[in-house]
N, C-alpha and C. Protein backbone atom coordinates (compact mmCIF):
# COMPACT_ATOMS: atom_id res chain seq x y z
N UNK A 1 0.84 -1.18 0.00
CA UNK A 1 0.00 0.00 0.00
C UNK A 1 0.89 1.25 0.00
N UNK A 2 0.57 2.18 -0.85
CA UNK A 2 1.35 3.41 -0.97
C UNK A 2 0.99 4.37 0.16
N UNK A 3 1.95 4.67 0.99
CA UNK A 3 1.69 5.56 2.13
C UNK A 3 1.44 7.00 1.69
N UNK A 4 1.89 7.34 0.48
CA UNK A 4 1.75 8.72 0.03
C UNK A 4 0.36 9.03 -0.52
N UNK A 5 -0.38 8.00 -0.93
CA UNK A 5 -1.69 8.30 -1.51
C UNK A 5 -2.80 7.99 -0.52
N UNK A 6 -3.85 8.74 -0.66
CA UNK A 6 -4.98 8.61 0.25
C UNK A 6 -5.86 7.44 -0.17
N UNK A 7 -6.19 6.60 0.78
CA UNK A 7 -7.11 5.49 0.53
C UNK A 7 -8.52 5.98 0.90
N UNK A 8 -9.45 5.83 -0.03
CA UNK A 8 -10.83 6.26 0.21
C UNK A 8 -11.76 5.11 -0.07
N UNK A 9 -12.69 4.89 0.84
CA UNK A 9 -13.74 3.91 0.62
C UNK A 9 -15.01 4.73 0.34
N UNK A 10 -15.55 4.61 -0.87
CA UNK A 10 -16.73 5.39 -1.23
C UNK A 10 -17.90 4.44 -1.41
N UNK A 11 -18.91 4.61 -0.58
CA UNK A 11 -20.08 3.74 -0.59
C UNK A 11 -21.29 4.56 -1.04
N UNK A 12 -21.70 4.34 -2.29
CA UNK A 12 -22.83 5.07 -2.82
C UNK A 12 -24.05 4.16 -2.83
N UNK A 13 -25.13 4.65 -2.23
CA UNK A 13 -26.36 3.88 -2.20
C UNK A 13 -27.52 4.85 -2.43
N UNK A 14 -28.75 4.33 -2.57
CA UNK A 14 -29.90 5.24 -2.74
C UNK A 14 -30.05 6.20 -1.55
N UNK A 15 -29.55 5.78 -0.39
CA UNK A 15 -29.65 6.61 0.81
C UNK A 15 -28.73 7.83 0.73
N UNK A 16 -27.60 7.67 0.04
CA UNK A 16 -26.63 8.75 -0.05
C UNK A 16 -25.24 8.19 -0.29
N UNK A 17 -24.25 9.02 -0.04
CA UNK A 17 -22.87 8.62 -0.28
C UNK A 17 -22.08 8.74 1.02
N UNK A 18 -21.44 7.65 1.39
CA UNK A 18 -20.60 7.65 2.59
C UNK A 18 -19.15 7.55 2.14
N UNK A 19 -18.37 8.57 2.50
CA UNK A 19 -16.97 8.61 2.11
C UNK A 19 -16.14 8.34 3.36
N UNK A 20 -15.32 7.29 3.31
CA UNK A 20 -14.50 6.91 4.46
C UNK A 20 -13.02 6.97 4.08
N UNK A 21 -12.34 8.08 4.46
CA UNK A 21 -10.89 8.13 4.23
C UNK A 21 -10.19 7.20 5.22
N UNK A 22 -9.09 6.60 4.79
CA UNK A 22 -8.33 5.69 5.65
C UNK A 22 -6.94 6.26 5.87
N UNK A 23 -6.64 6.62 7.10
CA UNK A 23 -5.31 7.15 7.42
C UNK A 23 -5.34 8.65 7.66
N UNK A 24 -4.15 9.18 7.98
CA UNK A 24 -4.02 10.61 8.26
C UNK A 24 -4.34 11.44 7.02
N UNK A 25 -4.93 12.61 7.25
CA UNK A 25 -5.14 13.55 6.15
C UNK A 25 -4.29 14.77 6.43
N UNK A 26 -3.21 14.88 5.64
CA UNK A 26 -2.28 16.00 5.80
C UNK A 26 -2.21 16.76 4.48
N UNK A 27 -1.22 17.62 4.35
CA UNK A 27 -1.11 18.49 3.18
C UNK A 27 -1.13 17.69 1.86
N UNK A 28 -0.37 16.59 1.80
CA UNK A 28 -0.32 15.83 0.54
C UNK A 28 -1.64 15.11 0.25
N UNK A 29 -2.26 14.59 1.28
CA UNK A 29 -3.47 13.80 1.06
C UNK A 29 -4.74 14.65 0.95
N UNK A 30 -4.72 15.86 1.50
CA UNK A 30 -5.93 16.70 1.45
C UNK A 30 -6.24 17.09 0.01
N UNK A 31 -5.21 17.25 -0.83
CA UNK A 31 -5.44 17.59 -2.24
C UNK A 31 -6.17 16.45 -2.94
N UNK A 32 -5.74 15.22 -2.68
CA UNK A 32 -6.41 14.05 -3.25
C UNK A 32 -7.84 13.95 -2.75
N UNK A 33 -8.02 14.24 -1.47
CA UNK A 33 -9.35 14.19 -0.85
C UNK A 33 -10.27 15.21 -1.54
N UNK A 34 -9.75 16.40 -1.79
CA UNK A 34 -10.50 17.46 -2.46
C UNK A 34 -10.92 17.00 -3.86
N UNK A 35 -9.97 16.42 -4.61
CA UNK A 35 -10.27 15.93 -5.97
C UNK A 35 -11.31 14.82 -5.94
N UNK A 36 -11.29 14.00 -4.89
CA UNK A 36 -12.25 12.89 -4.79
C UNK A 36 -13.65 13.40 -4.43
N UNK A 37 -13.72 14.46 -3.63
CA UNK A 37 -15.02 14.97 -3.19
C UNK A 37 -15.80 15.67 -4.31
N UNK A 38 -15.09 16.39 -5.17
CA UNK A 38 -15.78 17.18 -6.21
C UNK A 38 -16.73 16.35 -7.08
N UNK A 39 -16.26 15.24 -7.69
CA UNK A 39 -17.19 14.46 -8.52
C UNK A 39 -18.34 13.84 -7.71
N UNK A 40 -18.07 13.53 -6.43
CA UNK A 40 -19.13 12.98 -5.58
C UNK A 40 -20.24 14.03 -5.43
N UNK A 41 -19.86 15.26 -5.13
CA UNK A 41 -20.84 16.34 -4.96
C UNK A 41 -21.55 16.60 -6.29
N UNK A 42 -20.79 16.60 -7.39
CA UNK A 42 -21.39 16.85 -8.70
C UNK A 42 -22.38 15.77 -9.11
N UNK A 43 -22.23 14.55 -8.56
CA UNK A 43 -23.17 13.47 -8.90
C UNK A 43 -24.49 13.62 -8.14
N UNK A 44 -24.59 14.63 -7.28
CA UNK A 44 -25.80 14.97 -6.53
C UNK A 44 -26.43 13.81 -5.75
N UNK A 45 -25.66 13.23 -4.82
CA UNK A 45 -26.27 12.18 -3.98
C UNK A 45 -27.30 12.81 -3.03
N UNK A 46 -28.14 11.98 -2.43
CA UNK A 46 -29.16 12.48 -1.50
C UNK A 46 -28.52 13.18 -0.32
N UNK A 47 -27.41 12.60 0.15
CA UNK A 47 -26.65 13.21 1.25
C UNK A 47 -25.23 12.70 1.18
N UNK A 48 -24.33 13.42 1.85
CA UNK A 48 -22.92 13.02 1.91
C UNK A 48 -22.53 12.93 3.38
N UNK A 49 -21.98 11.78 3.73
CA UNK A 49 -21.47 11.58 5.09
C UNK A 49 -19.98 11.28 4.98
N UNK A 50 -19.18 12.05 5.70
CA UNK A 50 -17.74 11.78 5.75
C UNK A 50 -17.50 11.01 7.05
N UNK A 51 -17.16 9.73 6.91
CA UNK A 51 -16.92 8.86 8.06
C UNK A 51 -15.44 8.94 8.41
N UNK A 52 -15.14 9.58 9.54
CA UNK A 52 -13.75 9.81 9.93
C UNK A 52 -13.24 8.81 10.97
N UNK A 53 -13.88 7.66 11.05
CA UNK A 53 -13.51 6.64 12.03
C UNK A 53 -12.07 6.15 11.85
N UNK A 54 -11.55 6.20 10.62
CA UNK A 54 -10.22 5.66 10.35
C UNK A 54 -9.20 6.75 10.05
N UNK A 55 -9.48 7.97 10.54
CA UNK A 55 -8.55 9.09 10.36
C UNK A 55 -8.05 9.52 11.74
N UNK A 56 -6.87 9.02 12.14
CA UNK A 56 -6.36 9.37 13.48
C UNK A 56 -5.91 10.83 13.57
N UNK A 57 -5.46 11.39 12.43
CA UNK A 57 -4.91 12.74 12.45
C UNK A 57 -5.32 13.50 11.19
N UNK A 58 -5.62 14.78 11.37
CA UNK A 58 -5.94 15.64 10.24
C UNK A 58 -5.35 17.01 10.52
N UNK A 59 -4.61 17.56 9.54
CA UNK A 59 -4.07 18.90 9.75
C UNK A 59 -5.02 19.95 9.18
N UNK A 60 -4.60 21.20 9.21
CA UNK A 60 -5.48 22.30 8.80
C UNK A 60 -5.89 22.20 7.33
N UNK A 61 -5.04 21.61 6.48
CA UNK A 61 -5.41 21.46 5.07
C UNK A 61 -6.55 20.45 4.91
N UNK A 62 -6.55 19.44 5.75
CA UNK A 62 -7.65 18.46 5.74
C UNK A 62 -8.95 19.10 6.20
N UNK A 63 -8.84 19.92 7.23
CA UNK A 63 -10.02 20.64 7.74
C UNK A 63 -10.55 21.59 6.67
N UNK A 64 -9.64 22.28 5.97
CA UNK A 64 -10.03 23.19 4.89
C UNK A 64 -10.77 22.43 3.79
N UNK A 65 -10.34 21.22 3.51
CA UNK A 65 -11.00 20.39 2.49
C UNK A 65 -12.43 20.05 2.94
N UNK A 66 -12.60 19.74 4.21
CA UNK A 66 -13.95 19.46 4.73
C UNK A 66 -14.85 20.69 4.61
N UNK A 67 -14.29 21.85 4.93
CA UNK A 67 -15.06 23.10 4.83
C UNK A 67 -15.46 23.35 3.38
N UNK A 68 -14.53 23.13 2.46
CA UNK A 68 -14.83 23.31 1.04
C UNK A 68 -15.93 22.34 0.60
N UNK A 69 -15.84 21.09 1.06
CA UNK A 69 -16.88 20.10 0.75
C UNK A 69 -18.24 20.53 1.27
N UNK A 70 -18.25 21.07 2.49
CA UNK A 70 -19.49 21.57 3.08
C UNK A 70 -20.07 22.71 2.24
N UNK A 71 -19.23 23.65 1.84
CA UNK A 71 -19.69 24.80 1.04
C UNK A 71 -20.26 24.35 -0.30
N UNK A 72 -19.53 23.46 -0.99
CA UNK A 72 -20.01 22.97 -2.29
C UNK A 72 -21.31 22.19 -2.14
N UNK A 73 -21.42 21.42 -1.06
CA UNK A 73 -22.65 20.66 -0.81
C UNK A 73 -23.82 21.59 -0.54
N UNK A 74 -23.57 22.64 0.24
CA UNK A 74 -24.64 23.60 0.53
C UNK A 74 -25.14 24.26 -0.76
N UNK A 75 -24.20 24.62 -1.65
CA UNK A 75 -24.59 25.24 -2.92
C UNK A 75 -25.46 24.28 -3.73
N UNK A 76 -25.20 22.98 -3.61
CA UNK A 76 -25.94 21.97 -4.36
C UNK A 76 -27.15 21.44 -3.57
N UNK A 77 -27.40 22.02 -2.39
CA UNK A 77 -28.49 21.58 -1.51
C UNK A 77 -28.40 20.10 -1.12
N UNK A 78 -27.19 19.67 -0.81
CA UNK A 78 -26.96 18.29 -0.38
C UNK A 78 -26.52 18.33 1.09
N UNK A 79 -27.26 17.63 1.97
CA UNK A 79 -26.81 17.57 3.37
C UNK A 79 -25.41 16.94 3.45
N UNK A 80 -24.53 17.55 4.26
CA UNK A 80 -23.14 17.13 4.38
C UNK A 80 -22.84 17.00 5.86
N UNK A 81 -22.49 15.80 6.30
CA UNK A 81 -22.22 15.63 7.72
C UNK A 81 -20.97 14.80 7.95
N UNK A 82 -20.48 14.86 9.18
CA UNK A 82 -19.30 14.11 9.60
C UNK A 82 -19.76 13.10 10.65
N UNK A 83 -19.08 11.95 10.69
CA UNK A 83 -19.41 11.00 11.75
C UNK A 83 -18.16 10.27 12.22
N UNK A 84 -18.28 9.70 13.41
CA UNK A 84 -17.26 8.84 14.00
C UNK A 84 -15.88 9.48 14.06
N UNK A 85 -15.83 10.73 14.54
CA UNK A 85 -14.55 11.44 14.63
C UNK A 85 -13.65 10.79 15.67
N UNK A 86 -12.38 10.61 15.30
CA UNK A 86 -11.40 10.13 16.27
C UNK A 86 -11.14 11.29 17.24
N UNK A 87 -10.53 10.98 18.38
CA UNK A 87 -10.24 12.03 19.37
C UNK A 87 -9.39 13.15 18.78
N UNK A 88 -8.37 12.77 17.99
CA UNK A 88 -7.47 13.75 17.40
C UNK A 88 -8.19 14.70 16.46
N UNK A 89 -9.04 14.14 15.60
CA UNK A 89 -9.78 14.96 14.64
C UNK A 89 -10.84 15.79 15.35
N UNK A 90 -11.51 15.19 16.33
CA UNK A 90 -12.54 15.91 17.07
C UNK A 90 -11.96 17.14 17.78
N UNK A 91 -10.76 16.99 18.35
CA UNK A 91 -10.17 18.13 19.06
C UNK A 91 -9.83 19.27 18.09
N UNK A 92 -9.36 18.94 16.88
CA UNK A 92 -9.06 19.97 15.88
C UNK A 92 -10.35 20.68 15.46
N UNK A 93 -11.39 19.90 15.20
CA UNK A 93 -12.68 20.46 14.77
C UNK A 93 -13.23 21.39 15.87
N UNK A 94 -13.16 20.94 17.12
CA UNK A 94 -13.68 21.74 18.24
C UNK A 94 -12.81 22.98 18.48
N UNK A 95 -11.51 22.83 18.38
CA UNK A 95 -10.60 23.95 18.58
C UNK A 95 -10.89 25.08 17.59
N UNK A 96 -11.19 24.70 16.35
CA UNK A 96 -11.50 25.68 15.31
C UNK A 96 -12.98 26.10 15.36
N UNK A 97 -13.70 25.59 16.35
CA UNK A 97 -15.13 25.86 16.53
C UNK A 97 -15.98 25.43 15.34
N UNK A 98 -15.48 24.45 14.61
CA UNK A 98 -16.21 23.96 13.43
C UNK A 98 -17.33 23.00 13.81
N UNK A 99 -17.33 22.58 15.09
CA UNK A 99 -18.44 21.74 15.54
C UNK A 99 -19.75 22.53 15.52
N UNK A 100 -19.65 23.86 15.36
CA UNK A 100 -20.84 24.71 15.26
C UNK A 100 -21.39 24.75 13.83
N UNK A 101 -20.53 24.49 12.83
CA UNK A 101 -21.01 24.57 11.44
C UNK A 101 -21.25 23.21 10.80
N UNK A 102 -20.57 22.17 11.29
CA UNK A 102 -20.79 20.83 10.74
C UNK A 102 -21.85 20.09 11.53
N UNK A 103 -22.62 19.25 10.85
CA UNK A 103 -23.48 18.28 11.54
C UNK A 103 -22.57 17.10 11.85
N UNK A 104 -22.42 16.80 13.13
CA UNK A 104 -21.49 15.75 13.54
C UNK A 104 -22.26 14.68 14.32
N UNK A 105 -22.04 13.42 13.94
CA UNK A 105 -22.73 12.30 14.57
C UNK A 105 -21.71 11.32 15.14
N UNK A 106 -22.12 10.62 16.20
CA UNK A 106 -21.25 9.63 16.84
C UNK A 106 -20.97 8.47 15.90
N UNK A 107 -22.02 8.04 15.17
CA UNK A 107 -21.88 6.86 14.31
C UNK A 107 -22.44 7.13 12.92
N UNK A 108 -22.05 6.28 12.00
CA UNK A 108 -22.54 6.36 10.62
C UNK A 108 -24.06 6.13 10.61
N UNK A 109 -24.52 5.21 11.46
CA UNK A 109 -25.94 4.88 11.51
C UNK A 109 -26.77 6.10 11.95
N UNK A 110 -26.27 6.83 12.95
CA UNK A 110 -26.97 8.04 13.41
C UNK A 110 -27.02 9.09 12.29
N UNK A 111 -25.93 9.23 11.55
CA UNK A 111 -25.88 10.21 10.46
C UNK A 111 -26.90 9.84 9.38
N UNK A 112 -27.05 8.56 9.12
CA UNK A 112 -27.99 8.08 8.09
C UNK A 112 -29.44 8.29 8.51
N UNK A 113 -29.69 8.32 9.82
CA UNK A 113 -31.07 8.50 10.31
C UNK A 113 -31.58 9.90 10.12
N UNK A 114 -30.67 10.87 9.98
CA UNK A 114 -31.10 12.28 9.89
C UNK A 114 -31.79 12.59 8.59
């Protein structure tokens, strides 16, 4: 497995699209994440859930990518939420007060119920 490239699990169903990045999201991987999110948003799923259960660390570029995804989703009227944040990612999101702008759920199942 290439440590330099971002592994993404994309699960598209009639319910919506669940995007699960695997591994840290830093400067190099956030660009790939951004490129992966754009076509997902353009395909207009019912909703987009970013499952962060397998992301132990995310830097500010990763957070910026999430914000960009949220903005693009809002423009397209697609609900965009985060779920299963690791402690490291949750602390960054809370520190930047982004827990006020993102819909955040404990589990993927809770996010799907909304």
